[in-house]
Structures are given as structure tokens and as C-alpha cells.
N, C-alpha and C. Protein backbone atom coordinates (compact mmCIF):
# COMPACT_ATOMS: atom_id res chain seq x y z
N MET A 1 27.05 49.69 -66.95
CA MET A 1 27.34 48.41 -66.40
C MET A 1 27.20 48.39 -64.88
N ALA A 2 27.47 49.38 -64.26
CA ALA A 2 27.37 49.43 -62.83
C ALA A 2 25.96 49.14 -62.39
N THR A 3 25.00 49.40 -63.21
CA THR A 3 23.64 49.17 -62.86
C THR A 3 23.33 47.67 -62.85
N GLU A 4 23.81 46.92 -63.80
CA GLU A 4 23.58 45.48 -63.83
C GLU A 4 24.25 44.80 -62.63
N LYS A 5 25.45 45.27 -62.31
CA LYS A 5 26.18 44.68 -61.18
C LYS A 5 25.42 44.94 -59.87
N ARG A 6 24.91 46.13 -59.69
CA ARG A 6 24.17 46.45 -58.48
C ARG A 6 22.89 45.62 -58.40
N GLN A 7 22.24 45.39 -59.54
CA GLN A 7 21.02 44.59 -59.54
C GLN A 7 21.33 43.14 -59.15
N ARG A 8 22.42 42.59 -59.68
CA ARG A 8 22.83 41.23 -59.31
C ARG A 8 23.15 41.15 -57.83
N GLN A 9 23.89 42.12 -57.31
CA GLN A 9 24.23 42.14 -55.89
C GLN A 9 22.97 42.21 -55.02
N LYS A 10 22.04 43.07 -55.42
CA LYS A 10 20.80 43.22 -54.68
C LYS A 10 20.00 41.92 -54.72
N ALA A 11 19.92 41.26 -55.87
CA ALA A 11 19.20 40.00 -56.02
C ALA A 11 19.86 38.91 -55.18
N ASN A 12 21.19 38.87 -55.19
CA ASN A 12 21.92 37.87 -54.40
C ASN A 12 21.73 38.11 -52.90
N ARG A 13 21.75 39.38 -52.49
CA ARG A 13 21.50 39.69 -51.08
C ARG A 13 20.10 39.23 -50.67
N THR A 14 19.10 39.50 -51.48
CA THR A 14 17.73 39.12 -51.18
C THR A 14 17.61 37.60 -51.13
N LEU A 15 18.21 36.89 -52.08
CA LEU A 15 18.18 35.44 -52.09
C LEU A 15 18.86 34.87 -50.84
N LYS A 16 19.99 35.46 -50.46
CA LYS A 16 20.71 35.02 -49.26
C LYS A 16 19.86 35.23 -48.01
N GLN A 17 19.19 36.38 -47.91
CA GLN A 17 18.32 36.66 -46.76
C GLN A 17 17.15 35.69 -46.69
N VAL A 18 16.56 35.34 -47.84
CA VAL A 18 15.44 34.40 -47.88
C VAL A 18 15.91 33.02 -47.41
N GLU A 19 17.09 32.59 -47.89
CA GLU A 19 17.61 31.29 -47.50
C GLU A 19 17.96 31.25 -46.01
N GLU A 20 18.53 32.35 -45.51
CA GLU A 20 18.85 32.42 -44.08
C GLU A 20 17.58 32.38 -43.23
N ALA A 21 16.51 33.01 -43.71
CA ALA A 21 15.23 33.00 -42.99
C ALA A 21 14.66 31.57 -42.95
N LYS A 22 14.79 30.83 -44.06
CA LYS A 22 14.33 29.45 -44.09
C LYS A 22 15.11 28.59 -43.10
N VAL A 23 16.42 28.76 -43.07
CA VAL A 23 17.26 28.01 -42.15
C VAL A 23 16.89 28.36 -40.71
N GLU A 24 16.67 29.62 -40.45
CA GLU A 24 16.31 30.05 -39.09
C GLU A 24 14.96 29.46 -38.66
N ARG A 25 13.98 29.46 -39.57
CA ARG A 25 12.68 28.85 -39.26
C ARG A 25 12.84 27.36 -38.98
N ARG A 26 13.64 26.69 -39.79
CA ARG A 26 13.87 25.26 -39.60
C ARG A 26 14.54 24.99 -38.25
N ARG A 27 15.50 25.81 -37.87
CA ARG A 27 16.16 25.67 -36.56
C ARG A 27 15.17 25.88 -35.42
N GLY A 28 14.32 26.90 -35.56
CA GLY A 28 13.32 27.19 -34.53
C GLY A 28 12.33 26.04 -34.37
N LEU A 29 11.89 25.48 -35.53
CA LEU A 29 10.96 24.37 -35.49
C LEU A 29 11.62 23.14 -34.84
N THR A 30 12.85 22.86 -35.21
CA THR A 30 13.57 21.73 -34.63
C THR A 30 13.74 21.92 -33.12
N LYS A 31 14.06 23.14 -32.72
CA LYS A 31 14.24 23.43 -31.30
C LYS A 31 12.93 23.22 -30.55
N ARG A 32 11.81 23.69 -31.10
CA ARG A 32 10.52 23.51 -30.44
C ARG A 32 10.13 22.04 -30.35
N ILE A 33 10.41 21.28 -31.40
CA ILE A 33 10.09 19.84 -31.39
C ILE A 33 10.93 19.12 -30.33
N VAL A 34 12.21 19.44 -30.24
CA VAL A 34 13.09 18.80 -29.26
C VAL A 34 12.64 19.15 -27.84
N ILE A 35 12.34 20.42 -27.61
CA ILE A 35 11.89 20.84 -26.27
C ILE A 35 10.56 20.17 -25.92
N GLY A 36 9.63 20.14 -26.87
CA GLY A 36 8.33 19.49 -26.63
C GLY A 36 8.49 18.00 -26.35
N GLY A 37 9.35 17.34 -27.11
CA GLY A 37 9.60 15.92 -26.87
C GLY A 37 10.24 15.68 -25.51
N ALA A 38 11.14 16.57 -25.11
CA ALA A 38 11.78 16.43 -23.80
C ALA A 38 10.74 16.61 -22.68
N ILE A 39 9.82 17.55 -22.85
CA ILE A 39 8.77 17.76 -21.84
C ILE A 39 7.87 16.53 -21.74
N VAL A 40 7.48 15.97 -22.88
CA VAL A 40 6.64 14.77 -22.89
C VAL A 40 7.38 13.61 -22.22
N ALA A 41 8.65 13.43 -22.54
CA ALA A 41 9.44 12.35 -21.93
C ALA A 41 9.58 12.56 -20.43
N ALA A 42 9.81 13.80 -20.01
CA ALA A 42 9.95 14.09 -18.57
C ALA A 42 8.63 13.80 -17.84
N LEU A 43 7.50 14.18 -18.43
CA LEU A 43 6.20 13.87 -17.81
C LEU A 43 5.98 12.36 -17.71
N PHE A 44 6.35 11.63 -18.76
CA PHE A 44 6.21 10.18 -18.73
C PHE A 44 7.05 9.57 -17.62
N VAL A 45 8.30 10.02 -17.50
CA VAL A 45 9.18 9.51 -16.43
C VAL A 45 8.62 9.88 -15.07
N LEU A 46 8.11 11.09 -14.91
CA LEU A 46 7.53 11.52 -13.64
C LEU A 46 6.33 10.65 -13.26
N ILE A 47 5.45 10.38 -14.20
CA ILE A 47 4.29 9.53 -13.93
C ILE A 47 4.73 8.12 -13.60
N LEU A 48 5.74 7.62 -14.29
CA LEU A 48 6.25 6.28 -14.01
C LEU A 48 6.84 6.20 -12.61
N VAL A 49 7.60 7.21 -12.21
CA VAL A 49 8.20 7.22 -10.87
C VAL A 49 7.11 7.29 -9.80
N ILE A 50 6.11 8.11 -10.02
CA ILE A 50 5.02 8.22 -9.06
C ILE A 50 4.27 6.89 -8.95
N ALA A 51 4.03 6.24 -10.08
CA ALA A 51 3.32 4.97 -10.07
C ALA A 51 4.13 3.90 -9.34
N LEU A 52 5.42 3.87 -9.56
CA LEU A 52 6.25 2.87 -8.89
C LEU A 52 6.40 3.17 -7.40
N ALA A 53 6.47 4.44 -7.06
CA ALA A 53 6.62 4.81 -5.65
C ALA A 53 5.33 4.53 -4.88
N ALA A 54 4.21 4.82 -5.49
CA ALA A 54 2.93 4.59 -4.83
C ALA A 54 2.63 3.11 -4.75
N GLY A 55 2.97 2.35 -5.76
CA GLY A 55 2.71 0.92 -5.77
C GLY A 55 1.23 0.65 -5.80
N ASP A 56 0.90 -0.64 -5.70
CA ASP A 56 -0.50 -1.00 -5.69
C ASP A 56 -0.99 -1.25 -4.28
N ASP A 57 -0.15 -1.09 -3.28
CA ASP A 57 -0.48 -1.26 -1.86
C ASP A 57 -1.14 -2.60 -1.59
N ASP A 58 -0.85 -3.59 -2.40
CA ASP A 58 -1.41 -4.92 -2.22
C ASP A 58 -0.29 -5.84 -1.80
N ASP A 59 -0.45 -6.46 -0.63
CA ASP A 59 0.56 -7.40 -0.16
C ASP A 59 0.55 -8.64 -1.04
N ASP A 60 1.71 -9.28 -1.14
CA ASP A 60 1.79 -10.50 -1.93
C ASP A 60 1.07 -11.65 -1.25
N THR A 61 1.03 -11.64 0.08
CA THR A 61 0.34 -12.70 0.81
C THR A 61 -1.09 -12.26 1.08
N PRO A 62 -2.04 -13.08 0.69
CA PRO A 62 -3.44 -12.69 0.94
C PRO A 62 -3.77 -12.82 2.42
N THR A 63 -4.57 -11.93 2.89
CA THR A 63 -4.99 -11.98 4.28
C THR A 63 -6.27 -12.80 4.36
N THR A 64 -6.37 -13.59 5.42
CA THR A 64 -7.57 -14.39 5.60
C THR A 64 -8.33 -13.89 6.80
N THR A 65 -9.61 -13.94 6.70
CA THR A 65 -10.48 -13.51 7.78
C THR A 65 -11.13 -14.75 8.38
N THR A 66 -10.98 -14.90 9.67
CA THR A 66 -11.56 -16.04 10.36
C THR A 66 -12.78 -15.58 11.14
N THR A 67 -13.86 -16.28 10.92
CA THR A 67 -15.09 -15.97 11.64
C THR A 67 -15.26 -17.00 12.74
N VAL A 68 -15.42 -16.54 13.96
CA VAL A 68 -15.57 -17.40 15.11
C VAL A 68 -17.01 -17.31 15.58
N ALA A 69 -17.63 -18.48 15.72
CA ALA A 69 -19.01 -18.51 16.19
C ALA A 69 -19.01 -18.32 17.70
N VAL A 70 -19.91 -17.52 18.20
CA VAL A 70 -20.03 -17.25 19.62
C VAL A 70 -21.12 -18.16 20.16
N ALA A 71 -20.79 -18.89 21.23
CA ALA A 71 -21.77 -19.80 21.82
C ALA A 71 -22.90 -19.00 22.45
N GLU A 72 -24.08 -19.50 22.25
CA GLU A 72 -25.24 -18.82 22.82
C GLU A 72 -25.34 -19.16 24.30
N SER A 73 -25.77 -18.24 25.09
CA SER A 73 -25.89 -18.48 26.53
C SER A 73 -27.19 -19.20 26.82
N THR A 74 -27.19 -19.92 27.92
CA THR A 74 -28.42 -20.63 28.32
C THR A 74 -29.38 -19.64 28.94
N ASP A 75 -30.60 -20.06 29.13
CA ASP A 75 -31.60 -19.18 29.72
C ASP A 75 -31.24 -18.80 31.15
N ALA A 76 -30.64 -19.74 31.90
CA ALA A 76 -30.30 -19.46 33.30
C ALA A 76 -29.17 -18.44 33.37
N ALA A 77 -28.18 -18.60 32.51
CA ALA A 77 -27.06 -17.67 32.53
C ALA A 77 -27.51 -16.30 32.03
N ALA A 78 -28.42 -16.29 31.08
CA ALA A 78 -28.92 -15.03 30.56
C ALA A 78 -29.74 -14.30 31.60
N ALA A 79 -30.39 -15.05 32.47
CA ALA A 79 -31.22 -14.44 33.50
C ALA A 79 -30.37 -13.97 34.67
N GLY A 80 -29.09 -14.28 34.68
CA GLY A 80 -28.22 -13.83 35.76
C GLY A 80 -27.95 -14.90 36.79
N ASP A 81 -28.44 -16.12 36.60
CA ASP A 81 -28.22 -17.21 37.55
C ASP A 81 -26.85 -17.81 37.27
N THR A 82 -25.91 -17.60 38.16
CA THR A 82 -24.55 -18.09 37.96
C THR A 82 -24.23 -19.26 38.85
N THR A 83 -25.19 -19.78 39.59
CA THR A 83 -24.94 -20.93 40.47
C THR A 83 -24.93 -22.19 39.64
N THR A 84 -24.12 -23.14 40.07
CA THR A 84 -24.05 -24.41 39.36
C THR A 84 -24.51 -25.52 40.29
N ASP A 85 -24.95 -26.56 39.70
CA ASP A 85 -25.41 -27.73 40.47
C ASP A 85 -24.18 -28.52 40.86
N THR A 86 -23.79 -28.49 42.14
CA THR A 86 -22.58 -29.16 42.59
C THR A 86 -22.80 -30.64 42.80
N ALA A 87 -24.02 -31.08 42.89
CA ALA A 87 -24.27 -32.50 43.06
C ALA A 87 -23.97 -33.25 41.78
N ALA A 88 -24.26 -32.65 40.62
CA ALA A 88 -23.99 -33.31 39.35
C ALA A 88 -22.54 -33.12 38.94
N ASP A 89 -21.91 -32.07 39.42
CA ASP A 89 -20.53 -31.76 39.05
C ASP A 89 -19.67 -31.84 40.30
N ASP A 90 -18.67 -32.72 40.32
CA ASP A 90 -17.83 -32.93 41.50
C ASP A 90 -16.79 -31.83 41.67
N THR A 91 -16.57 -30.99 40.69
CA THR A 91 -15.54 -29.96 40.81
C THR A 91 -16.13 -28.72 41.45
N THR A 92 -15.28 -28.03 42.19
CA THR A 92 -15.70 -26.77 42.80
C THR A 92 -14.91 -25.66 42.18
N ALA A 93 -15.20 -24.47 42.58
CA ALA A 93 -14.49 -23.32 42.05
C ALA A 93 -13.02 -23.40 42.41
N ASP A 94 -12.68 -23.95 43.58
CA ASP A 94 -11.28 -24.09 43.97
C ASP A 94 -10.57 -25.12 43.11
N ASP A 95 -11.28 -26.15 42.70
CA ASP A 95 -10.66 -27.19 41.87
C ASP A 95 -10.37 -26.68 40.47
N THR A 96 -11.16 -25.77 39.97
CA THR A 96 -10.97 -25.28 38.61
C THR A 96 -10.15 -24.02 38.56
N ALA A 97 -9.61 -23.57 39.68
CA ALA A 97 -8.87 -22.32 39.70
C ALA A 97 -7.43 -22.49 39.25
N GLY A 98 -7.03 -23.65 38.80
CA GLY A 98 -5.65 -23.89 38.37
C GLY A 98 -5.33 -23.13 37.10
N SER A 99 -4.08 -23.16 36.73
CA SER A 99 -3.67 -22.43 35.54
C SER A 99 -4.17 -23.15 34.31
N ALA A 100 -4.20 -22.45 33.20
CA ALA A 100 -4.74 -23.00 31.98
C ALA A 100 -3.90 -24.16 31.47
N GLY A 101 -2.62 -24.16 31.71
CA GLY A 101 -1.74 -25.22 31.25
C GLY A 101 -1.62 -26.36 32.24
N ASP A 102 -2.39 -26.36 33.31
CA ASP A 102 -2.30 -27.37 34.35
C ASP A 102 -2.99 -28.64 33.88
N THR A 103 -2.25 -29.72 33.75
CA THR A 103 -2.83 -30.99 33.30
C THR A 103 -3.08 -31.93 34.45
N GLU A 104 -2.61 -31.63 35.61
CA GLU A 104 -2.80 -32.48 36.78
C GLU A 104 -4.23 -32.30 37.28
N PRO A 105 -4.93 -33.40 37.58
CA PRO A 105 -6.29 -33.26 38.10
C PRO A 105 -6.28 -32.49 39.40
N ALA A 106 -7.34 -31.76 39.66
CA ALA A 106 -7.41 -30.90 40.83
C ALA A 106 -7.42 -31.70 42.12
N SER A 107 -7.97 -32.91 42.10
CA SER A 107 -8.07 -33.69 43.34
C SER A 107 -6.72 -34.25 43.77
N THR A 108 -5.72 -34.32 42.91
CA THR A 108 -4.42 -34.88 43.28
C THR A 108 -3.44 -33.81 43.71
N ARG A 109 -3.82 -32.56 43.63
CA ARG A 109 -2.92 -31.48 44.05
C ARG A 109 -2.79 -31.47 45.56
N ALA A 110 -1.63 -31.05 46.04
CA ALA A 110 -1.38 -31.00 47.48
C ALA A 110 -2.20 -29.88 48.11
N ASP A 111 -2.31 -28.74 47.41
CA ASP A 111 -3.00 -27.59 47.96
C ASP A 111 -4.19 -27.28 47.07
N ASP A 112 -5.40 -27.49 47.55
CA ASP A 112 -6.59 -27.25 46.77
C ASP A 112 -7.11 -25.83 46.91
N THR A 113 -6.38 -24.96 47.60
CA THR A 113 -6.89 -23.62 47.83
C THR A 113 -6.49 -22.65 46.74
N GLY A 114 -5.59 -22.98 45.85
CA GLY A 114 -5.17 -22.02 44.83
C GLY A 114 -4.53 -22.76 43.68
N PRO A 115 -4.03 -22.00 42.76
CA PRO A 115 -3.40 -22.62 41.59
C PRO A 115 -2.11 -23.33 42.00
N ALA A 116 -1.80 -24.39 41.28
CA ALA A 116 -0.59 -25.14 41.55
C ALA A 116 0.62 -24.33 41.11
N SER A 117 1.68 -24.39 41.87
CA SER A 117 2.88 -23.65 41.49
C SER A 117 3.64 -24.45 40.45
N THR A 118 4.20 -23.73 39.49
CA THR A 118 4.96 -24.41 38.45
C THR A 118 6.43 -24.24 38.77
N SER A 119 7.20 -25.35 38.65
CA SER A 119 8.62 -25.26 38.93
C SER A 119 9.42 -25.36 37.68
């Protein structure tokens, strides 16, 4: 009888070891899946943070470009002739030397030698 008992014990030990090996494999697989999923999630969050931090670098307000036409010079000015015909034009260089915001005519100023003083 001792032989049958030993055979049962040996069979039970082998069955227990096989079941424990299955449980261990299942735990290892679950652990690898969880770790792999965590790595994928961490990479997704990292890419999302980088995308949000970098932004699209596009301002909400559109920028407009203004093109200004440049007046063409006359033949006399292009040739270097800077003299003006004073007979046709009553203003002189002293009359036009006022400030840009000066609305008073040059002939009514008290001092025609320089810009009018602003008070």
C-alpha cells in the first residue's frame, strides 16, 4: 500500500507544480501587458505635452502686409538738378522749414528765418 500512496503523492505534487507554473506564466504575462500599456500611455502623454507646449505658433490675429507705392522721380531730380523754379512757386526754403504739424501759413509767421516755436 505504501506504493500507491507514494504514487498519488507524486502525481499530486506534479499536478500542483504544473498549476503553479500556469499561474506564474499568467502573472508574468499580465505584468508585461500592464508595463507595456503604461509605456504606451506615458509616450502618448509625452507627445501630447510636447504638442501643447510647442503650439502651432500661429497668432490668432492675422497679420496684414501693406504695400506702399514709391513715387517715381522726375528726370530733373534723377539727373541731380535740385533747383526749383521760384517764379512759379512763391514759397522758399525758409517758408517750408516749419514743423510738420504747423498749420499756420509761412507768410503770417513773425519770424520767417526758422521753424515757428510751439507754446
